[in-house]
């Protein structure tokens, strides 16, 4: 299921002039096994996005390869294959078993 890797950069609370969150420095979690799947139009609308928006479900392991815990918060930056995404909601335990996190994300326009 996880066919890619991601770098997760937590936000620091500040907002840049283009409206995107400013990443926190030095706190990246790298090489997190992940997958991106297009979100249904109904699910996109649930997150306040149009059906035409580039929104995805981001799935990842709850533990990074170095053993650290993976958490994704609202507005965190996620980079997959050189493309930057922004979390539009918090991660949730997919299936309730603690082995896959699901996070709604949208393509960030920078």
Protein backbone atom coordinates (compact mmCIF):
# COMPACT_ATOMS: atom_id res chain seq x y z
CA UNK A 1 0.00 0.00 0.00
CA UNK A 2 2.81 2.44 0.82
CA UNK A 3 4.51 2.99 -2.53
CA UNK A 4 6.25 6.32 -1.80
CA UNK A 5 8.17 8.08 0.97
CA UNK A 6 7.42 11.47 2.51
CA UNK A 7 9.09 14.19 4.51
CA UNK A 8 6.78 15.72 7.10
CA UNK A 9 7.57 19.26 8.23
CA UNK A 10 5.54 20.57 11.18
CA UNK A 11 4.29 24.15 10.99
CA UNK A 12 5.57 26.73 13.43
CA UNK A 13 2.37 28.76 13.66
CA UNK A 14 3.49 31.64 11.44
CA UNK A 15 1.92 32.37 8.05
CA UNK A 16 3.88 33.60 5.01
CA UNK A 17 2.67 36.44 2.77
CA UNK A 18 1.31 33.87 0.27
CA UNK A 19 -0.96 32.44 2.99
CA UNK A 20 0.97 29.20 3.43
CA UNK A 21 2.17 28.14 6.88
CA UNK A 22 5.83 28.66 7.69
CA UNK A 23 7.52 25.33 8.42
CA UNK A 24 9.32 24.78 11.71
CA UNK A 25 13.02 24.31 11.11
CA UNK A 26 14.98 21.25 12.15
CA UNK A 27 11.98 19.09 12.99
CA UNK A 28 11.44 17.19 9.73
CA UNK A 29 10.52 13.52 9.84
CA UNK A 30 12.03 11.96 6.72
CA UNK A 31 11.61 8.80 4.64
CA UNK A 32 8.17 7.99 6.04
CA UNK A 33 6.58 5.18 3.97
CA UNK A 34 3.36 6.54 2.52
CA UNK A 35 0.70 6.54 -0.19
CA UNK A 36 -1.43 9.29 -1.72
CA UNK A 37 -4.89 8.54 -3.05
CA UNK A 38 -7.30 11.01 -4.68
CA UNK A 39 -10.08 12.03 -2.32
CA UNK A 40 -13.68 11.58 -3.41
CA UNK A 41 -15.54 14.77 -4.33
CA UNK A 42 -17.93 14.22 -1.39
CA UNK A 43 -15.02 13.90 1.01
CA UNK A 44 -13.32 16.98 -0.49
CA UNK A 45 -16.49 19.00 0.07
CA UNK A 46 -16.59 17.74 3.67
CA UNK A 47 -13.21 19.45 4.13
CA UNK A 48 -14.50 22.66 2.55
CA UNK A 49 -12.83 22.10 -0.82
CA UNK A 50 -14.47 22.04 -4.23
CA UNK A 51 -14.78 18.77 -6.09
CA UNK A 52 -12.18 20.07 -8.56
CA UNK A 53 -9.56 20.84 -5.90
CA UNK A 54 -6.44 18.71 -5.76
CA UNK A 55 -7.14 16.96 -2.47
CA UNK A 56 -5.87 13.58 -1.40
CA UNK A 57 -5.87 11.08 1.41
CA UNK A 58 -2.30 10.74 2.69
CA UNK A 59 -1.66 7.36 4.32
CA UNK A 60 1.49 6.70 6.34
CA UNK A 61 2.98 4.49 8.99
CA UNK A 62 2.62 5.81 12.56
CA UNK A 63 6.36 5.17 13.11
CA UNK A 64 9.21 6.60 11.05
CA UNK A 65 12.11 4.36 9.96
CA UNK A 66 14.24 5.82 12.78
CA UNK A 67 11.62 4.66 15.33
CA UNK A 68 10.20 8.11 16.11
CA UNK A 69 6.46 8.61 16.25
CA UNK A 70 4.80 10.19 13.21
CA UNK A 71 2.11 12.77 13.77
CA UNK A 72 0.60 15.08 11.19
CA UNK A 73 -1.19 18.20 12.34
CA UNK A 74 -3.38 20.69 10.53
CA UNK A 75 -1.29 22.85 8.13
CA UNK A 76 1.80 20.63 8.41
CA UNK A 77 3.78 20.39 5.18
CA UNK A 78 4.19 16.99 3.52
CA UNK A 79 6.59 16.53 0.61
CA UNK A 80 6.16 13.48 -1.62
CA UNK A 81 8.19 13.08 -4.80
CA UNK A 82 9.18 16.76 -4.75
CA UNK A 83 5.54 17.89 -4.57
CA UNK A 84 4.44 19.85 -1.49
CA UNK A 85 1.11 19.16 0.16
CA UNK A 86 -0.55 20.84 3.14
CA UNK A 87 -2.55 18.95 5.74
CA UNK A 88 -6.10 20.31 5.85
CA UNK A 89 -6.98 18.32 8.94
CA UNK A 90 -5.33 16.18 11.59
CA UNK A 91 -4.19 12.60 11.08
CA UNK A 92 -6.48 9.85 12.23
CA UNK A 93 -5.88 6.20 13.03
CA UNK A 94 -7.22 4.44 9.93
CA UNK A 95 -9.13 1.35 11.01
CA UNK A 96 -8.48 1.81 14.73
CA UNK A 97 -5.55 -0.60 14.85
CA UNK A 98 -2.71 1.89 15.16
CA UNK A 99 -0.88 0.74 12.04
CA UNK A 100 -1.91 3.36 9.43
CA UNK A 101 -2.51 7.09 9.76
CA UNK A 102 -4.84 8.87 7.32
CA UNK A 103 -4.57 12.62 6.78
CA UNK A 104 -6.54 14.86 4.39
CA UNK A 105 -4.12 16.95 2.32
CA UNK A 106 -4.22 19.39 -0.58
CA UNK A 107 -1.57 20.34 -3.08
CA UNK A 108 0.17 23.47 -1.86
CA UNK A 109 0.56 26.24 -4.41
CA UNK A 110 3.87 28.04 -3.90
